[in-house]
Amino acid sequence: MTEIIVAAAATAASKIKENSLLGMLYKDSMQPSVQLLGNALGTVFEFCTTPLLLCKWGSEAAKLNYKKHLDDYAKRIKSIPENDLISVNPQVGVPIMDRLTYITNEEVADLFISLLAKASSKTTINEAHPAYIHLIDRLAIDEARILRTLINIEFIPSISLQAHLKGLLKGFDMILTEATDLKTELLFPTNVDTYLDNLKSLGILDNTHGNYQTDDSLYSSLFLKYDVDRLEEEHLATGKYAMMHRVKGYYQITNFGKSFINSCVRAIQ
């Protein structure tokens, strides 16, 4: 299969002028960047339904948005050695090309473009799993931002605060639940619990292990950030609770999550 794709790449550049999509987007088909697109996406465009893509553009703004994505992709694959550049497998390329017709957010688009770039090189094609496309579909913009903070870390420290009831009543109230300190600006910071839950449901994060890190300094800043001393005093003062219990934990980045981040978030070196 790889041999067929490589062979197709050898003739892709010569077909650029005949390709209505590239021809409509780029007036000068002999530009080096356009030649790169022809080499990498020539086979993909053969499997795309051109009239459908043109309809999805809908307006000049949509067309320019699509062209920007292609320009970003062309810049990304410039770093791939010529001998390593291959034609993208349509199984990966066609659905990504379709999504880039309507995605306007750069952070989400960048995940698709990164995956497409990985599928464009003989040395990284094994990292471009088609299933990752559907994972990106399920990410909010803020979740894409969170993923960028996970590139070079192994885990996210978290804290919880339990208020244990007095008397014969059993159980406790959760005052804080797995609170973290994510180092990124979010559009909707109050939704962070939902974002982390979604990343868990996608298999990117896991916090079901019940363990914690032995480095207390990882948690001291969290206790200060959420003013846990004050929360404990206020809840004990109500007389409803017998004791407060601080719980340390962390979100582990799974092996699957690391593979996904490496393929869709980390740029080609």
Protein backbone atom coordinates (compact mmCIF):
# COMPACT_ATOMS: atom_id res chain seq x y z
CA MET A 1 0.00 0.00 0.00
CA THR A 2 2.85 2.38 0.89
CA GLU A 3 4.52 1.73 -2.48
CA ILE A 4 1.31 2.70 -4.30
CA ILE A 5 1.02 5.91 -2.29
CA VAL A 6 4.67 6.84 -2.92
CA ALA A 7 4.26 6.18 -6.64
CA ALA A 8 1.19 8.41 -6.74
CA ALA A 9 3.16 11.17 -5.06
CA ALA A 10 5.71 11.15 -7.88
CA THR A 11 3.09 12.20 -10.42
CA ALA A 12 0.91 14.38 -8.20
CA ALA A 13 2.77 17.60 -8.93
CA SER A 14 2.28 17.21 -12.67
CA LYS A 15 -1.47 16.96 -12.15
CA ILE A 16 -1.88 20.18 -10.20
CA LYS A 17 -3.09 22.19 -13.16
CA GLU A 18 -5.72 19.58 -13.90
CA ASN A 19 -6.91 19.54 -10.29
CA SER A 20 -9.83 21.94 -10.05
CA LEU A 21 -9.51 22.42 -6.28
CA LEU A 22 -5.87 23.45 -6.25
CA GLY A 23 -6.33 25.25 -9.53
CA MET A 24 -9.13 27.39 -8.09
CA LEU A 25 -7.30 28.09 -4.86
CA TYR A 26 -3.85 28.84 -6.26
CA LYS A 27 -3.26 30.84 -9.44
CA ASP A 28 0.42 29.89 -9.62
CA SER A 29 0.53 26.11 -9.49
CA MET A 30 4.34 26.13 -9.80
CA GLN A 31 4.87 27.72 -6.37
CA PRO A 32 7.00 25.40 -4.20
CA SER A 33 4.27 25.32 -1.54
CA VAL A 34 1.64 24.35 -4.12
CA GLN A 35 3.95 21.68 -5.49
CA LEU A 36 4.23 20.32 -1.94
CA LEU A 37 0.44 20.20 -1.69
CA GLY A 38 0.25 18.39 -5.01
CA ASN A 39 2.79 15.80 -3.88
CA ALA A 40 1.17 15.19 -0.51
CA LEU A 41 -2.53 15.57 -1.33
CA GLY A 42 -2.78 14.66 -5.01
CA THR A 43 -4.23 11.23 -4.27
CA VAL A 44 -6.51 12.63 -1.57
CA PHE A 45 -8.06 15.18 -3.91
CA GLU A 46 -8.75 12.42 -6.43
CA PHE A 47 -11.05 10.83 -3.84
CA CYS A 48 -12.68 14.10 -2.77
CA THR A 49 -16.02 15.07 -4.30
CA THR A 50 -15.03 18.40 -5.83
CA PRO A 51 -18.54 19.86 -6.38
CA LEU A 52 -19.46 19.03 -2.79
CA LEU A 53 -16.36 20.76 -1.44
CA LEU A 54 -17.06 23.81 -3.58
CA CYS A 55 -20.60 23.98 -2.23
CA LYS A 56 -19.28 23.82 1.31
CA TRP A 57 -17.11 26.84 0.68
CA GLY A 58 -20.34 28.75 0.17
CA SER A 59 -18.65 32.15 0.19
CA GLU A 60 -15.34 33.85 -0.45
CA ALA A 61 -14.71 33.89 3.30
CA ALA A 62 -15.18 30.12 3.49
CA LYS A 63 -12.85 29.65 0.51
CA LEU A 64 -10.16 31.81 2.13
CA ASN A 65 -10.57 29.90 5.40
CA TYR A 66 -9.99 26.61 3.57
CA LYS A 67 -6.99 28.01 1.72
CA LYS A 68 -5.49 29.22 5.01
CA HIS A 69 -5.69 25.68 6.39
CA LEU A 70 -3.91 24.37 3.30
CA ASP A 71 -1.26 27.09 3.60
CA ASP A 72 -0.68 26.13 7.25
CA TYR A 73 -0.36 22.49 6.25
CA ALA A 74 2.11 23.37 3.46
CA LYS A 75 4.27 25.25 5.98
CA ARG A 76 4.13 22.26 8.32
CA ILE A 77 5.37 19.74 5.76
CA LYS A 78 8.21 21.93 4.50
CA SER A 79 10.35 20.42 7.25
CA ILE A 80 9.83 16.89 5.90
CA PRO A 81 12.84 15.71 3.84
CA GLU A 82 11.97 15.27 0.17
CA ASN A 83 12.73 11.55 0.27
CA ASP A 84 10.37 11.09 3.23
CA LEU A 85 7.38 13.02 1.84
CA ILE A 86 4.60 10.69 0.69
CA SER A 87 1.07 11.01 -0.60
CA VAL A 88 -1.43 10.98 2.25
CA ASN A 89 -3.62 7.90 2.49
CA PRO A 90 -7.19 8.92 1.53
CA GLN A 91 -8.53 7.09 4.59
CA VAL A 92 -6.92 9.84 6.68
CA GLY A 93 -6.75 12.68 4.17
CA VAL A 94 -10.28 12.75 2.76
CA PRO A 95 -12.16 13.11 6.09
CA ILE A 96 -9.68 15.75 7.27
CA MET A 97 -10.08 17.73 4.04
CA ASP A 98 -13.84 17.60 4.56
CA ARG A 99 -13.60 18.92 8.12
CA LEU A 100 -11.29 21.74 7.12
CA THR A 101 -14.07 23.14 4.91
CA TYR A 102 -16.09 24.23 7.95
CA ILE A 103 -13.70 24.50 10.92
CA THR A 104 -12.79 28.11 11.64
CA ASN A 105 -11.11 27.76 15.03
CA GLU A 106 -7.35 27.62 14.56
CA GLU A 107 -6.67 25.50 17.63
CA VAL A 108 -8.99 22.69 16.53
CA ALA A 109 -7.92 23.00 12.88
CA ASP A 110 -4.30 22.70 14.00
CA LEU A 111 -5.01 19.27 15.50
CA PHE A 112 -6.28 18.03 12.14
CA ILE A 113 -3.37 19.66 10.30
CA SER A 114 -0.84 18.09 12.68
CA LEU A 115 -2.37 14.67 12.09
CA LEU A 116 -2.36 15.27 8.34
CA ALA A 117 1.31 16.26 8.50
CA LYS A 118 2.17 13.06 10.36
CA ALA A 119 0.42 11.12 7.58
CA SER A 120 2.62 12.88 5.02
CA SER A 121 5.96 11.39 6.05
CA LYS A 122 7.34 7.86 5.78
CA THR A 123 8.88 8.27 9.25
CA THR A 124 5.65 9.28 11.02
CA ILE A 125 2.86 7.68 8.97
CA ASN A 126 2.53 4.97 11.61
CA GLU A 127 1.40 7.67 14.08
CA ALA A 128 -1.51 8.87 11.91
CA HIS A 129 -4.30 6.58 13.13
CA PRO A 130 -7.66 7.28 11.42
CA ALA A 131 -9.48 6.94 14.77
CA TYR A 132 -7.82 10.15 15.98
CA ILE A 133 -9.98 12.11 13.52
CA HIS A 134 -13.12 11.15 15.45
CA LEU A 135 -11.47 12.04 18.77
CA ILE A 136 -10.75 15.56 17.52
CA ASP A 137 -14.40 15.81 16.45
CA ARG A 138 -15.37 15.40 20.12
CA LEU A 139 -13.09 18.11 21.49
CA ALA A 140 -14.15 21.60 22.51
CA ILE A 141 -11.85 24.54 21.81
CA ASP A 142 -10.86 24.73 25.48
CA GLU A 143 -10.03 21.02 25.46
CA ALA A 144 -7.70 21.58 22.50
CA ARG A 145 -6.01 24.26 24.59
CA ILE A 146 -5.69 21.90 27.56
CA LEU A 147 -4.05 19.27 25.34
CA ARG A 148 -1.30 21.75 24.47
CA THR A 149 -0.38 22.01 28.15
CA LEU A 150 0.04 18.23 28.34
CA ILE A 151 2.81 17.89 25.74
CA ASN A 152 5.73 17.65 28.17
CA ILE A 153 4.09 16.51 31.42
CA GLU A 154 3.09 13.14 32.84
CA PHE A 155 0.21 14.12 35.11
CA ILE A 156 -1.99 16.93 36.46
CA PRO A 157 -2.08 17.23 40.29
CA SER A 158 -5.54 17.59 41.83
CA ILE A 159 -7.07 18.05 45.27
CA SER A 160 -10.45 17.30 46.80
CA LEU A 161 -11.96 18.40 50.11
CA GLN A 162 -14.41 16.22 52.02
CA ALA A 163 -16.57 17.44 54.91
CA HIS A 164 -17.49 14.41 57.06
CA LEU A 165 -20.88 14.54 58.77
CA LYS A 166 -21.39 14.40 62.55
CA GLY A 167 -23.39 11.95 64.65
CA LEU A 168 -24.96 8.79 63.33
CA LEU A 169 -25.11 10.14 59.82
CA LYS A 170 -22.62 8.48 57.54
CA GLY A 171 -20.84 9.91 54.59
CA PHE A 172 -19.48 13.28 53.62
CA ASP A 173 -20.13 16.28 51.45
CA MET A 174 -17.67 17.14 48.68
CA ILE A 175 -16.57 20.75 49.03
CA LEU A 176 -13.95 20.51 46.28
CA THR A 177 -13.76 17.76 43.70
CA GLU A 178 -10.51 17.07 41.86
CA ALA A 179 -9.59 20.75 41.61
CA THR A 180 -6.57 21.51 39.43
CA ASP A 181 -4.44 24.42 38.28
CA LEU A 182 -4.30 24.18 34.51
CA LYS A 183 -1.75 26.58 33.04
CA THR A 184 -3.83 27.77 30.12
CA GLU A 185 -6.41 30.45 29.42
CA LEU A 186 -9.87 28.96 28.85
CA LEU A 187 -12.89 30.50 27.18
CA PHE A 188 -15.14 28.99 29.82
CA PRO A 189 -13.04 28.25 32.94
CA THR A 190 -16.10 27.19 34.96
CA ASN A 191 -16.44 24.20 32.60
CA VAL A 192 -13.03 22.76 33.44
CA ASP A 193 -14.55 19.76 35.27
CA THR A 194 -16.59 18.92 32.17
CA TYR A 195 -13.51 19.26 29.97
CA LEU A 196 -11.47 16.91 32.14
CA ASP A 197 -14.35 14.42 32.29
CA ASN A 198 -14.55 14.45 28.50
CA LEU A 199 -10.80 13.87 28.16
CA LYS A 200 -11.25 10.93 30.55
CA SER A 201 -14.13 9.53 28.49
CA LEU A 202 -11.93 9.72 25.39
CA GLY A 203 -9.22 7.70 27.12
CA ILE A 204 -6.71 10.56 27.12
CA LEU A 205 -6.72 11.06 30.91
CA ASP A 206 -7.34 8.71 33.83
CA ASN A 207 -7.72 9.38 37.56
CA THR A 208 -9.25 6.14 38.78
CA HIS A 209 -6.03 4.90 40.37
CA GLY A 210 -6.63 6.44 43.82
CA ASN A 211 -2.94 7.31 44.27
CA TYR A 212 -1.15 10.61 44.80
CA GLN A 213 2.30 12.07 44.21
CA THR A 214 4.68 12.06 47.18
CA ASP A 215 5.99 15.56 46.42
CA ASP A 216 3.88 17.73 48.75
CA SER A 217 4.94 20.90 46.95
CA LEU A 218 2.76 19.81 44.02
CA TYR A 219 -0.29 20.17 46.27
CA SER A 220 0.60 23.06 48.58
CA SER A 221 0.04 25.59 45.80
CA LEU A 222 -3.37 24.05 45.08
CA PHE A 223 -4.40 24.30 48.74
CA LEU A 224 -3.44 27.99 48.64
CA LYS A 225 -5.14 28.63 45.30
CA TYR A 226 -8.46 27.28 46.56
CA ASP A 227 -8.05 28.75 50.07
CA VAL A 228 -8.62 25.36 51.68
CA ASP A 229 -7.78 26.59 55.20
CA ARG A 230 -10.68 29.07 55.01
CA LEU A 231 -13.05 26.48 53.55
CA GLU A 232 -12.29 24.08 56.39
CA GLU A 233 -12.87 26.73 59.06
CA GLU A 234 -16.14 27.88 57.53
CA HIS A 235 -17.59 24.39 57.23
CA LEU A 236 -16.51 23.26 60.70
CA ALA A 237 -18.03 26.44 62.15
CA THR A 238 -21.49 25.36 60.95
CA GLY A 239 -21.46 22.52 63.49
CA LYS A 240 -22.67 20.12 60.84
CA TYR A 241 -19.33 18.42 60.27
CA ALA A 242 -17.06 16.40 62.54
CA MET A 243 -13.92 16.73 60.43
CA MET A 244 -12.49 17.83 57.11
CA HIS A 245 -10.38 15.57 54.96
CA ARG A 246 -7.98 16.71 52.25
CA VAL A 247 -7.53 14.26 49.38
CA LYS A 248 -4.55 14.47 47.06
CA GLY A 249 -4.66 12.90 43.62
CA TYR A 250 -3.73 13.43 40.00
CA TYR A 251 -4.90 12.95 36.44
CA GLN A 252 -2.60 10.54 34.65
CA ILE A 253 -2.00 10.96 30.92
CA THR A 254 -2.64 7.47 29.53
CA ASN A 255 -0.39 5.74 27.02
CA PHE A 256 -3.18 6.19 24.48
CA GLY A 257 -3.35 9.87 25.42
CA LYS A 258 0.39 10.27 24.89
CA SER A 259 0.11 8.69 21.44
CA PHE A 260 -2.79 10.98 20.53
CA ILE A 261 -0.96 14.07 21.76
CA ASN A 262 2.19 13.05 19.90
CA SER A 263 0.22 12.61 16.66
CA CYS A 264 -2.16 15.56 16.82
CA VAL A 265 -0.60 18.16 19.11
CA ARG A 266 3.17 17.81 18.93
CA ALA A 267 4.57 19.33 15.74
CA ILE A 268 6.94 17.44 13.45
CA GLN A 269 10.47 17.99 14.76
